[in-house]
Structures are given as structure tokens and as C-alpha cells.
Amino acid sequence: MERIDQKCLEKGIQGYKGKFIDFLQCQSESFMPCIDIAAKSKLMTIIVDTTDTAKQVLDINKEIKGGVINIYPLETMNQFEQPPKQIP
């Protein structure tokens, strides 16, 4: 994960946001192991802005011969923020 992070910064990939775990805040550091156990590998998910950025990150992962990674483009998450459509 650190190599992907470094390569994205080196290549200036604008839509790369980082690892999901970096966006979490806990009231107490002692809660982090509990969160880690509950969320398992999801904490190491990579957050990007679009599917195009996700493809760039996948190319980097292939370039460095990395393992399996999870990537969530924020553009796909926005669909959950939309209010449900009302049927007349």
C-alpha cells in the first residue's frame, strides 16, 4: 500500500485520496484495534475520485507487481447520497 501511495504522489495523480483508514478519527487510540478487527481489510481500501483514477491506480499496482487491492471511486458512492426517486 505504501508503494502505491508513493507512486501516486510521484506521478501526481490528482484524484488519489489515500487509504480509508487515514480518514478515520477515534476518540481514543485504544479503539483502533477494535475498529481494525471489525472492518478487517476494508480499512486498507484505496479511495479515489473517479473510475478513471481507479484505473490509473490499478495500472500502478500492476507496474509494481502489487497484490490484490480494493478501490472505491467516490463518484460511485454519490449514488447513495441521492434521495430516492418518487414515483407519481
C-alpha atoms as a PDB file:
ATOM      1  CA  MET A   1       0.000   0.000   0.000  1.00  0.00           C
ATOM      2  CA  GLU A   2       2.824   2.389   0.807  1.00  0.00           C
ATOM      3  CA  ARG A   3       4.398   1.819  -2.616  1.00  0.00           C
ATOM      4  CA  ILE A   4       1.102   2.630  -4.320  1.00  0.00           C
ATOM      5  CA  ASP A   5       0.762   5.746  -2.181  1.00  0.00           C
ATOM      6  CA  GLN A   6       4.280   6.854  -3.070  1.00  0.00           C
ATOM      7  CA  LYS A   7       3.861   6.166  -6.817  1.00  0.00           C
ATOM      8  CA  CYS A   8       0.554   8.056  -6.952  1.00  0.00           C
ATOM      9  CA  LEU A   9       2.230  11.061  -5.348  1.00  0.00           C
ATOM     10  CA  GLU A  10       5.248  10.813  -7.667  1.00  0.00           C
ATOM     11  CA  LYS A  11       3.032  10.636 -10.749  1.00  0.00           C
ATOM     12  CA  GLY A  12       0.815  13.443  -9.496  1.00  0.00           C
ATOM     13  CA  ILE A  13      -2.447  11.515  -9.729  1.00  0.00           C
ATOM     14  CA  GLN A  14      -4.869  14.243  -8.684  1.00  0.00           C
ATOM     15  CA  GLY A  15      -7.872  12.093  -7.818  1.00  0.00           C
ATOM     16  CA  TYR A  16      -5.990   9.768  -5.481  1.00  0.00           C
ATOM     17  CA  LYS A  17      -7.270  10.433  -1.948  1.00  0.00           C
ATOM     18  CA  GLY A  18      -5.442   7.763   0.072  1.00  0.00           C
ATOM     19  CA  LYS A  19      -6.319   4.843   2.311  1.00  0.00           C
ATOM     20  CA  PHE A  20      -9.686   4.710   4.044  1.00  0.00           C
ATOM     21  CA  ILE A  21      -8.032   4.278   7.450  1.00  0.00           C
ATOM     22  CA  ASP A  22      -6.374   7.693   7.055  1.00  0.00           C
ATOM     23  CA  PHE A  23      -9.820   9.330   7.107  1.00  0.00           C
ATOM     24  CA  LEU A  24     -10.933   7.780  10.413  1.00  0.00           C
ATOM     25  CA  GLN A  25     -10.736   9.519  13.749  1.00  0.00           C
ATOM     26  CA  CYS A  26     -11.318   7.894  17.121  1.00  0.00           C
ATOM     27  CA  GLN A  27     -11.965   9.482  20.474  1.00  0.00           C
ATOM     28  CA  SER A  28      -9.342   7.169  21.903  1.00  0.00           C
ATOM     29  CA  GLU A  29      -6.423   5.468  20.184  1.00  0.00           C
ATOM     30  CA  SER A  30      -7.292   2.339  22.169  1.00  0.00           C
ATOM     31  CA  PHE A  31     -10.424   1.903  19.966  1.00  0.00           C
ATOM     32  CA  MET A  32      -8.391   1.496  16.762  1.00  0.00           C
ATOM     33  CA  PRO A  33      -7.660  -2.231  17.267  1.00  0.00           C
ATOM     34  CA  CYS A  34     -11.401  -2.829  17.708  1.00  0.00           C
ATOM     35  CA  ILE A  35     -12.165  -0.925  14.535  1.00  0.00           C
ATOM     36  CA  ASP A  36      -9.409  -2.784  12.727  1.00  0.00           C
ATOM     37  CA  ILE A  37     -10.855  -6.155  13.758  1.00  0.00           C
ATOM     38  CA  ALA A  38     -14.416  -5.132  12.851  1.00  0.00           C
ATOM     39  CA  ALA A  39     -13.560  -3.618   9.466  1.00  0.00           C
ATOM     40  CA  LYS A  40     -10.765  -6.067   8.588  1.00  0.00           C
ATOM     41  CA  SER A  41      -9.239  -5.344   5.182  1.00  0.00           C
ATOM     42  CA  LYS A  42     -11.744  -2.607   4.354  1.00  0.00           C
ATOM     43  CA  LEU A  43      -9.582  -0.102   6.246  1.00  0.00           C
ATOM     44  CA  MET A  44      -6.877  -0.529   3.616  1.00  0.00           C
ATOM     45  CA  THR A  45      -9.255   0.276   0.780  1.00  0.00           C
ATOM     46  CA  ILE A  46      -7.978   2.985  -1.548  1.00  0.00           C
ATOM     47  CA  ILE A  47     -10.227   5.997  -2.044  1.00  0.00           C
ATOM     48  CA  VAL A  48     -10.175   7.825  -5.394  1.00  0.00           C
ATOM     49  CA  ASP A  49     -12.440  10.375  -7.054  1.00  0.00           C
ATOM     50  CA  THR A  50     -13.446   8.571 -10.268  1.00  0.00           C
ATOM     51  CA  THR A  51     -13.239   5.227 -12.031  1.00  0.00           C
ATOM     52  CA  ASP A  52     -10.639   6.753 -14.374  1.00  0.00           C
ATOM     53  CA  THR A  53      -8.401   7.443 -11.380  1.00  0.00           C
ATOM     54  CA  ALA A  54      -9.079   3.898 -10.141  1.00  0.00           C
ATOM     55  CA  LYS A  55      -7.766   2.577 -13.473  1.00  0.00           C
ATOM     56  CA  GLN A  56      -4.589   4.645 -13.055  1.00  0.00           C
ATOM     57  CA  VAL A  57      -4.077   3.203  -9.570  1.00  0.00           C
ATOM     58  CA  LEU A  58      -4.654  -0.320 -10.898  1.00  0.00           C
ATOM     59  CA  ASP A  59      -2.019   0.318 -13.574  1.00  0.00           C
ATOM     60  CA  ILE A  60       0.429   1.407 -10.866  1.00  0.00           C
ATOM     61  CA  ASN A  61      -0.368  -1.703  -8.840  1.00  0.00           C
ATOM     62  CA  LYS A  62       0.308  -3.856 -11.899  1.00  0.00           C
ATOM     63  CA  GLU A  63       3.535  -1.913 -12.596  1.00  0.00           C
ATOM     64  CA  ILE A  64       4.884  -2.583  -9.094  1.00  0.00           C
ATOM     65  CA  LYS A  65       3.572  -6.162  -9.161  1.00  0.00           C
ATOM     66  CA  GLY A  66       1.383  -5.486  -6.132  1.00  0.00           C
ATOM     67  CA  GLY A  67      -1.203  -7.802  -4.692  1.00  0.00           C
ATOM     68  CA  VAL A  68      -4.972  -7.637  -4.602  1.00  0.00           C
ATOM     69  CA  ILE A  69      -6.294  -4.175  -3.712  1.00  0.00           C
ATOM     70  CA  ASN A  70      -9.730  -2.680  -3.131  1.00  0.00           C
ATOM     71  CA  ILE A  71     -10.536   0.702  -4.657  1.00  0.00           C
ATOM     72  CA  TYR A  72     -13.677   2.772  -4.093  1.00  0.00           C
ATOM     73  CA  PRO A  73     -14.311   5.653  -6.502  1.00  0.00           C
ATOM     74  CA  LEU A  74     -16.246   8.410  -4.742  1.00  0.00           C
ATOM     75  CA  GLU A  75     -18.311   9.038  -7.876  1.00  0.00           C
ATOM     76  CA  THR A  76     -19.948   5.638  -7.378  1.00  0.00           C
ATOM     77  CA  MET A  77     -20.623   6.381  -3.706  1.00  0.00           C
ATOM     78  CA  ASN A  78     -22.517   9.574  -4.608  1.00  0.00           C
ATOM     79  CA  GLN A  79     -25.399   7.496  -5.932  1.00  0.00           C
ATOM     80  CA  PHE A  80     -26.210   6.545  -2.337  1.00  0.00           C
ATOM     81  CA  GLU A  81     -26.472  10.191  -1.311  1.00  0.00           C
ATOM     82  CA  GLN A  82     -29.238  10.947  -3.792  1.00  0.00           C
ATOM     83  CA  PRO A  83     -32.754  10.981  -2.367  1.00  0.00           C
ATOM     84  CA  PRO A  84     -34.901   8.132  -3.690  1.00  0.00           C
ATOM     85  CA  LYS A  85     -36.974   8.972  -6.752  1.00  0.00           C
ATOM     86  CA  GLN A  86     -40.654   9.333  -6.082  1.00  0.00           C
ATOM     87  CA  ILE A  87     -42.996   7.518  -8.384  1.00  0.00           C
ATOM     88  CA  PRO A  88     -46.156   9.548  -9.109  1.00  0.00           C
END
